[in-house]
Amino acid sequence: MTETSDQWYNRQAIEHLAQHIPFERDLASKAEFIEMLRGLVIRHGREMDPELFGFEARCELTRLGLWSRIGPEGI
């Protein structure tokens, strides 16, 4: 599956948020970042190739219960 530039930007945003969330100390900011991440995953996750995600992002998305929304449904 070849990634379009929009998919790349969306995946980068998801990866950066997912990698940053565990280190955020301010609880209000952390909650806001989780909601932004959740919105991105719900809007764009089905269009993404799960194989392109790094380990840290995959772990955080799994911890937040969002990993199942990455990639086409039913895989």
PDB file of N, CA and C in Angstrom:
ATOM      1  N   MET A   1       0.847  -1.166   0.000  1.00  0.00           N
ATOM      2  CA  MET A   1       0.000   0.000   0.000  1.00  0.00           C
ATOM      3  C   MET A   1       0.899   1.237   0.000  1.00  0.00           C
ATOM      4  N   THR A   2       0.787   2.050  -1.042  1.00  0.00           N
ATOM      5  CA  THR A   2       1.596   3.257  -1.155  1.00  0.00           C
ATOM      6  C   THR A   2       0.894   4.401  -0.440  1.00  0.00           C
ATOM      7  N   GLU A   3       1.666   5.159   0.287  1.00  0.00           N
ATOM      8  CA  GLU A   3       1.146   6.239   1.109  1.00  0.00           C
ATOM      9  C   GLU A   3       1.107   7.546   0.326  1.00  0.00           C
ATOM     10  N   THR A   4      -0.048   8.237   0.325  1.00  0.00           N
ATOM     11  CA  THR A   4      -0.139   9.554  -0.295  1.00  0.00           C
ATOM     12  C   THR A   4       0.488  10.582   0.645  1.00  0.00           C
ATOM     13  N   SER A   5       0.693  11.793   0.144  1.00  0.00           N
ATOM     14  CA  SER A   5       1.283  12.825   1.009  1.00  0.00           C
ATOM     15  C   SER A   5       0.339  13.167   2.165  1.00  0.00           C
ATOM     16  N   ASP A   6      -0.964  13.180   1.927  1.00  0.00           N
ATOM     17  CA  ASP A   6      -1.911  13.437   3.021  1.00  0.00           C
ATOM     18  C   ASP A   6      -1.834  12.337   4.076  1.00  0.00           C
ATOM     19  N   GLN A   7      -1.756  11.089   3.642  1.00  0.00           N
ATOM     20  CA  GLN A   7      -1.646   9.976   4.588  1.00  0.00           C
ATOM     21  C   GLN A   7      -0.348  10.083   5.379  1.00  0.00           C
ATOM     22  N   TRP A   8       0.729  10.477   4.714  1.00  0.00           N
ATOM     23  CA  TRP A   8       2.018  10.624   5.385  1.00  0.00           C
ATOM     24  C   TRP A   8       1.938  11.692   6.477  1.00  0.00           C
ATOM     25  N   TYR A   9       1.361  12.857   6.131  1.00  0.00           N
ATOM     26  CA  TYR A   9       1.227  13.938   7.117  1.00  0.00           C
ATOM     27  C   TYR A   9       0.357  13.515   8.289  1.00  0.00           C
ATOM     28  N   ASN A  10      -0.748  12.854   8.008  1.00  0.00           N
ATOM     29  CA  ASN A  10      -1.636  12.388   9.077  1.00  0.00           C
ATOM     30  C   ASN A  10      -0.943  11.348   9.952  1.00  0.00           C
ATOM     31  N   ARG A  11      -0.201  10.431   9.333  1.00  0.00           N
ATOM     32  CA  ARG A  11       0.522   9.415  10.110  1.00  0.00           C
ATOM     33  C   ARG A  11       1.598  10.067  10.967  1.00  0.00           C
ATOM     34  N   GLN A  12       2.294  11.060  10.412  1.00  0.00           N
ATOM     35  CA  GLN A  12       3.321  11.764  11.185  1.00  0.00           C
ATOM     36  C   GLN A  12       2.696  12.454  12.393  1.00  0.00           C
ATOM     37  N   ALA A  13       1.545  13.090  12.194  1.00  0.00           N
ATOM     38  CA  ALA A  13       0.866  13.763  13.311  1.00  0.00           C
ATOM     39  C   ALA A  13       0.477  12.750  14.387  1.00  0.00           C
ATOM     40  N   ILE A  14      -0.059  11.611  13.976  1.00  0.00           N
ATOM     41  CA  ILE A  14      -0.455  10.565  14.918  1.00  0.00           C
ATOM     42  C   ILE A  14       0.768  10.030  15.653  1.00  0.00           C
ATOM     43  N   GLU A  15       1.834   9.760  14.918  1.00  0.00           N
ATOM     44  CA  GLU A  15       3.054   9.229  15.553  1.00  0.00           C
ATOM     45  C   GLU A  15       3.637  10.225  16.555  1.00  0.00           C
ATOM     46  N   HIS A  16       3.716  11.494  16.183  1.00  0.00           N
ATOM     47  CA  HIS A  16       4.299  12.493  17.082  1.00  0.00           C
ATOM     48  C   HIS A  16       3.464  12.654  18.348  1.00  0.00           C
ATOM     49  N   LEU A  17       2.151  12.725  18.198  1.00  0.00           N
ATOM     50  CA  LEU A  17       1.297  12.826  19.380  1.00  0.00           C
ATOM     51  C   LEU A  17       1.429  11.585  20.254  1.00  0.00           C
ATOM     52  N   ALA A  18       1.381  10.415  19.636  1.00  0.00           N
ATOM     53  CA  ALA A  18       1.456   9.165  20.398  1.00  0.00           C
ATOM     54  C   ALA A  18       2.781   9.045  21.150  1.00  0.00           C
ATOM     55  N   GLN A  19       3.848   9.519  20.552  1.00  0.00           N
ATOM     56  CA  GLN A  19       5.154   9.435  21.201  1.00  0.00           C
ATOM     57  C   GLN A  19       5.315  10.480  22.299  1.00  0.00           C
ATOM     58  N   HIS A  20       4.601  11.594  22.184  1.00  0.00           N
ATOM     59  CA  HIS A  20       4.734  12.685  23.156  1.00  0.00           C
ATOM     60  C   HIS A  20       3.862  12.468  24.397  1.00  0.00           C
ATOM     61  N   ILE A  21       2.704  11.885  24.238  1.00  0.00           N
ATOM     62  CA  ILE A  21       1.730  11.758  25.324  1.00  0.00           C
ATOM     63  C   ILE A  21       2.305  11.131  26.600  1.00  0.00           C
ATOM     64  N   PRO A  22       3.068  10.037  26.525  1.00  0.00           N
ATOM     65  CA  PRO A  22       3.563   9.438  27.774  1.00  0.00           C
ATOM     66  C   PRO A  22       4.463  10.366  28.593  1.00  0.00           C
ATOM     67  N   PHE A  23       5.054  11.369  27.958  1.00  0.00           N
ATOM     68  CA  PHE A  23       5.999  12.253  28.648  1.00  0.00           C
ATOM     69  C   PHE A  23       5.380  13.568  29.086  1.00  0.00           C
ATOM     70  N   GLU A  24       4.120  13.809  28.710  1.00  0.00           N
ATOM     71  CA  GLU A  24       3.443  15.055  29.090  1.00  0.00           C
ATOM     72  C   GLU A  24       3.084  15.008  30.564  1.00  0.00           C
ATOM     73  N   ARG A  25       3.481  16.026  31.303  1.00  0.00           N
ATOM     74  CA  ARG A  25       3.234  16.062  32.753  1.00  0.00           C
ATOM     75  C   ARG A  25       1.960  16.812  33.121  1.00  0.00           C
ATOM     76  N   ASP A  26       1.595  17.802  32.312  1.00  0.00           N
ATOM     77  CA  ASP A  26       0.396  18.582  32.586  1.00  0.00           C
ATOM     78  C   ASP A  26      -0.830  17.762  32.185  1.00  0.00           C
ATOM     79  N   LEU A  27      -1.672  17.439  33.159  1.00  0.00           N
ATOM     80  CA  LEU A  27      -2.803  16.546  32.901  1.00  0.00           C
ATOM     81  C   LEU A  27      -3.802  17.128  31.918  1.00  0.00           C
ATOM     82  N   ALA A  28      -4.028  18.429  31.955  1.00  0.00           N
ATOM     83  CA  ALA A  28      -4.960  19.052  31.019  1.00  0.00           C
ATOM     84  C   ALA A  28      -4.423  18.955  29.581  1.00  0.00           C
ATOM     85  N   SER A  29      -3.144  19.229  29.414  1.00  0.00           N
ATOM     86  CA  SER A  29      -2.525  19.119  28.090  1.00  0.00           C
ATOM     87  C   SER A  29      -2.543  17.675  27.603  1.00  0.00           C
ATOM     88  N   LYS A  30      -2.238  16.759  28.506  1.00  0.00           N
ATOM     89  CA  LYS A  30      -2.227  15.338  28.150  1.00  0.00           C
ATOM     90  C   LYS A  30      -3.606  14.907  27.662  1.00  0.00           C
ATOM     91  N   ALA A  31      -4.650  15.312  28.363  1.00  0.00           N
ATOM     92  CA  ALA A  31      -6.015  14.972  27.958  1.00  0.00           C
ATOM     93  C   ALA A  31      -6.343  15.573  26.590  1.00  0.00           C
ATOM     94  N   GLU A  32      -5.900  16.806  26.360  1.00  0.00           N
ATOM     95  CA  GLU A  32      -6.138  17.464  25.076  1.00  0.00           C
ATOM     96  C   GLU A  32      -5.407  16.731  23.945  1.00  0.00           C
ATOM     97  N   PHE A  33      -4.165  16.329  24.190  1.00  0.00           N
ATOM     98  CA  PHE A  33      -3.400  15.593  23.185  1.00  0.00           C
ATOM     99  C   PHE A  33      -4.050  14.250  22.873  1.00  0.00           C
ATOM    100  N   ILE A  34      -4.557  13.573  23.892  1.00  0.00           N
ATOM    101  CA  ILE A  34      -5.228  12.288  23.674  1.00  0.00           C
ATOM    102  C   ILE A  34      -6.471  12.487  22.819  1.00  0.00           C
ATOM    103  N   GLU A  35      -7.225  13.540  23.072  1.00  0.00           N
ATOM    104  CA  GLU A  35      -8.419  13.809  22.268  1.00  0.00           C
ATOM    105  C   GLU A  35      -8.052  14.154  20.827  1.00  0.00           C
ATOM    106  N   MET A  36      -6.974  14.927  20.628  1.00  0.00           N
ATOM    107  CA  MET A  36      -6.515  15.229  19.264  1.00  0.00           C
ATOM    108  C   MET A  36      -6.101  13.940  18.564  1.00  0.00           C
ATOM    109  N   LEU A  37      -5.363  13.091  19.267  1.00  0.00           N
ATOM    110  CA  LEU A  37      -4.925  11.818  18.711  1.00  0.00           C
ATOM    111  C   LEU A  37      -6.122  10.949  18.349  1.00  0.00           C
ATOM    112  N   ARG A  38      -7.076  10.851  19.252  1.00  0.00           N
ATOM    113  CA  ARG A  38      -8.277  10.054  19.006  1.00  0.00           C
ATOM    114  C   ARG A  38      -9.019  10.559  17.768  1.00  0.00           C
ATOM    115  N   GLY A  39      -9.152  11.863  17.623  1.00  0.00           N
ATOM    116  CA  GLY A  39      -9.817  12.441  16.462  1.00  0.00           C
ATOM    117  C   GLY A  39      -9.107  12.111  15.165  1.00  0.00           C
ATOM    118  N   LEU A  40      -7.787  12.233  15.162  1.00  0.00           N
ATOM    119  CA  LEU A  40      -7.011  11.897  13.967  1.00  0.00           C
ATOM    120  C   LEU A  40      -7.158  10.427  13.596  1.00  0.00           C
ATOM    121  N   VAL A  41      -7.078   9.566  14.594  1.00  0.00           N
ATOM    122  CA  VAL A  41      -7.182   8.126  14.330  1.00  0.00           C
ATOM    123  C   VAL A  41      -8.578   7.780  13.812  1.00  0.00           C
ATOM    124  N   ILE A  42      -9.609   8.345  14.414  1.00  0.00           N
ATOM    125  CA  ILE A  42     -10.971   8.047  13.969  1.00  0.00           C
ATOM    126  C   ILE A  42     -11.195   8.553  12.545  1.00  0.00           C
ATOM    127  N   ARG A  43     -10.676   9.745  12.228  1.00  0.00           N
ATOM    128  CA  ARG A  43     -10.866  10.315  10.893  1.00  0.00           C
ATOM    129  C   ARG A  43     -10.014   9.642   9.821  1.00  0.00           C
ATOM    130  N   HIS A  44      -8.777   9.295  10.148  1.00  0.00           N
ATOM    131  CA  HIS A  44      -7.840   8.885   9.101  1.00  0.00           C
ATOM    132  C   HIS A  44      -7.219   7.500   9.282  1.00  0.00           C
ATOM    133  N   GLY A  45      -7.437   6.851  10.400  1.00  0.00           N
ATOM    134  CA  GLY A  45      -6.756   5.595  10.701  1.00  0.00           C
ATOM    135  C   GLY A  45      -7.012   4.467   9.723  1.00  0.00           C
ATOM    136  N   ARG A  46      -8.220   4.350   9.192  1.00  0.00           N
ATOM    137  CA  ARG A  46      -8.550   3.258   8.266  1.00  0.00           C
ATOM    138  C   ARG A  46      -7.802   3.366   6.950  1.00  0.00           C
ATOM    139  N   GLU A  47      -7.312   4.573   6.628  1.00  0.00           N
ATOM    140  CA  GLU A  47      -6.587   4.798   5.377  1.00  0.00           C
ATOM    141  C   GLU A  47      -5.099   4.502   5.513  1.00  0.00           C
ATOM    142  N   MET A  48      -4.644   4.109   6.693  1.00  0.00           N
ATOM    143  CA  MET A  48      -3.210   3.976   6.953  1.00  0.00           C
ATOM    144  C   MET A  48      -2.754   2.530   6.996  1.00  0.00           C
ATOM    145  N   ASP A  49      -1.505   2.348   6.617  1.00  0.00           N
ATOM    146  CA  ASP A  49      -0.874   1.037   6.670  1.00  0.00           C
ATOM    147  C   ASP A  49      -0.247   0.857   8.048  1.00  0.00           C
ATOM    148  N   PRO A  50      -0.735  -0.111   8.846  1.00  0.00           N
ATOM    149  CA  PRO A  50      -0.191  -0.298  10.191  1.00  0.00           C
ATOM    150  C   PRO A  50       1.298  -0.625  10.214  1.00  0.00           C
ATOM    151  N   GLU A  51       1.805  -1.204   9.144  1.00  0.00           N
ATOM    152  CA  GLU A  51       3.223  -1.581   9.082  1.00  0.00           C
ATOM    153  C   GLU A  51       4.150  -0.370   9.086  1.00  0.00           C
ATOM    154  N   LEU A  52       3.634   0.807   8.764  1.00  0.00           N
ATOM    155  CA  LEU A  52       4.474   1.996   8.681  1.00  0.00           C
ATOM    156  C   LEU A  52       4.675   2.688  10.030  1.00  0.00           C
ATOM    157  N   PHE A  53       3.948   2.252  11.054  1.00  0.00           N
ATOM    158  CA  PHE A  53       4.053   2.878  12.371  1.00  0.00           C
ATOM    159  C   PHE A  53       5.238   2.325  13.143  1.00  0.00           C
ATOM    160  N   GLY A  54       5.873   3.211  13.905  1.00  0.00           N
ATOM    161  CA  GLY A  54       6.985   2.809  14.752  1.00  0.00           C
ATOM    162  C   GLY A  54       6.501   2.132  16.024  1.00  0.00           C
ATOM    163  N   PHE A  55       7.440   1.504  16.713  1.00  0.00           N
ATOM    164  CA  PHE A  55       7.136   0.731  17.912  1.00  0.00           C
ATOM    165  C   PHE A  55       6.490   1.575  19.007  1.00  0.00           C
ATOM    166  N   GLU A  56       7.066   2.754  19.294  1.00  0.00           N
ATOM    167  CA  GLU A  56       6.553   3.594  20.380  1.00  0.00           C
ATOM    168  C   GLU A  56       5.127   4.045  20.106  1.00  0.00           C
ATOM    169  N   ALA A  57       4.869   4.476  18.876  1.00  0.00           N
ATOM    170  CA  ALA A  57       3.515   4.917  18.521  1.00  0.00           C
ATOM    171  C   ALA A  57       2.536   3.752  18.608  1.00  0.00           C
ATOM    172  N   ARG A  58       2.950   2.598  18.125  1.00  0.00           N
ATOM    173  CA  ARG A  58       2.095   1.413  18.178  1.00  0.00           C
ATOM    174  C   ARG A  58       1.750   1.053  19.632  1.00  0.00           C
ATOM    175  N   CYS A  59       2.730   1.115  20.511  1.00  0.00           N
ATOM    176  CA  CYS A  59       2.492   0.794  21.925  1.00  0.00           C
ATOM    177  C   CYS A  59       1.510   1.773  22.557  1.00  0.00           C
ATOM    178  N   GLU A  60       1.685   3.062  22.299  1.00  0.00           N
ATOM    179  CA  GLU A  60       0.795   4.061  22.893  1.00  0.00           C
ATOM    180  C   GLU A  60      -0.616   3.960  22.316  1.00  0.00           C
ATOM    181  N   LEU A  61      -0.721   3.742  21.017  1.00  0.00           N
ATOM    182  CA  LEU A  61      -2.046   3.571  20.402  1.00  0.00           C
ATOM    183  C   LEU A  61      -2.738   2.332  20.963  1.00  0.00           C
ATOM    184  N   THR A  62      -1.992   1.290  21.206  1.00  0.00           N
ATOM    185  CA  THR A  62      -2.556   0.078  21.815  1.00  0.00           C
ATOM    186  C   THR A  62      -3.011   0.375  23.234  1.00  0.00           C
ATOM    187  N   ARG A  63      -2.175   1.066  24.007  1.00  0.00           N
ATOM    188  CA  ARG A  63      -2.516   1.408  25.387  1.00  0.00           C
ATOM    189  C   ARG A  63      -3.799   2.228  25.455  1.00  0.00           C
ATOM    190  N   LEU A  64      -3.993   3.107  24.481  1.00  0.00           N
ATOM    191  CA  LEU A  64      -5.178   3.966  24.458  1.00  0.00           C
ATOM    192  C   LEU A  64      -6.383   3.299  23.784  1.00  0.00           C
ATOM    193  N   GLY A  65      -6.199   2.067  23.307  1.00  0.00           N
ATOM    194  CA  GLY A  65      -7.311   1.356  22.678  1.00  0.00           C
ATOM    195  C   GLY A  65      -7.613   1.828  21.266  1.00  0.00           C
ATOM    196  N   LEU A  66      -6.629   2.440  20.599  1.00  0.00           N
ATOM    197  CA  LEU A  66      -6.850   2.993  19.265  1.00  0.00           C
ATOM    198  C   LEU A  66      -6.196   2.178  18.156  1.00  0.00           C
ATOM    199  N   TRP A  67      -5.341   1.244  18.508  1.00  0.00           N
ATOM    200  CA  TRP A  67      -4.590   0.516  17.480  1.00  0.00           C
ATOM    201  C   TRP A  67      -5.520  -0.255  16.524  1.00  0.00           C
ATOM    202  N   SER A  68      -6.630  -0.745  17.028  1.00  0.00           N
ATOM    203  CA  SER A  68      -7.561  -1.519  16.181  1.00  0.00           C
ATOM    204  C   SER A  68      -8.204  -0.652  15.103  1.00  0.00           C
ATOM    205  N   ARG A  69      -8.062   0.672  15.206  1.00  0.00           N
ATOM    206  CA  ARG A  69      -8.632   1.578  14.213  1.00  0.00           C
ATOM    207  C   ARG A  69      -7.616   1.976  13.138  1.00  0.00           C
ATOM    208  N   ILE A  70      -6.417   1.413  13.202  1.00  0.00           N
ATOM    209  CA  ILE A  70      -5.390   1.685  12.205  1.00  0.00           C
ATOM    210  C   ILE A  70      -5.454   0.572  11.160  1.00  0.00           C
ATOM    211  N   GLY A  71      -5.504   0.963   9.900  1.00  0.00           N
ATOM    212  CA  GLY A  71      -5.579   0.003   8.804  1.00  0.00           C
ATOM    213  C   GLY A  71      -7.007  -0.341   8.453  1.00  0.00           C
ATOM    214  N   PRO A  72      -7.188  -0.962   7.293  1.00  0.00           N
ATOM    215  CA  PRO A  72      -8.529  -1.340   6.856  1.00  0.00           C
ATOM    216  C   PRO A  72      -9.221  -2.224   7.869  1.00  0.00           C
ATOM    217  N   GLU A  73     -10.502  -2.055   8.009  1.00  0.00           N
ATOM    218  CA  GLU A  73     -11.278  -2.840   8.963  1.00  0.00           C
ATOM    219  C   GLU A  73     -11.269  -4.316   8.563  1.00  0.00           C
ATOM    220  N   GLY A  74     -11.174  -5.160   9.551  1.00  0.00           N
ATOM    221  CA  GLY A  74     -11.253  -6.602   9.306  1.00  0.00           C
ATOM    222  C   GLY A  74      -9.926  -7.282   9.067  1.00  0.00           C
ATOM    223  N   ILE A  75      -8.826  -6.536   9.237  1.00  0.00           N
ATOM    224  CA  ILE A  75      -7.515  -7.164   9.040  1.00  0.00           C
ATOM    225  C   ILE A  75      -7.044  -7.729  10.358  1.00  0.00           C
TER     226      ILE A  75
END
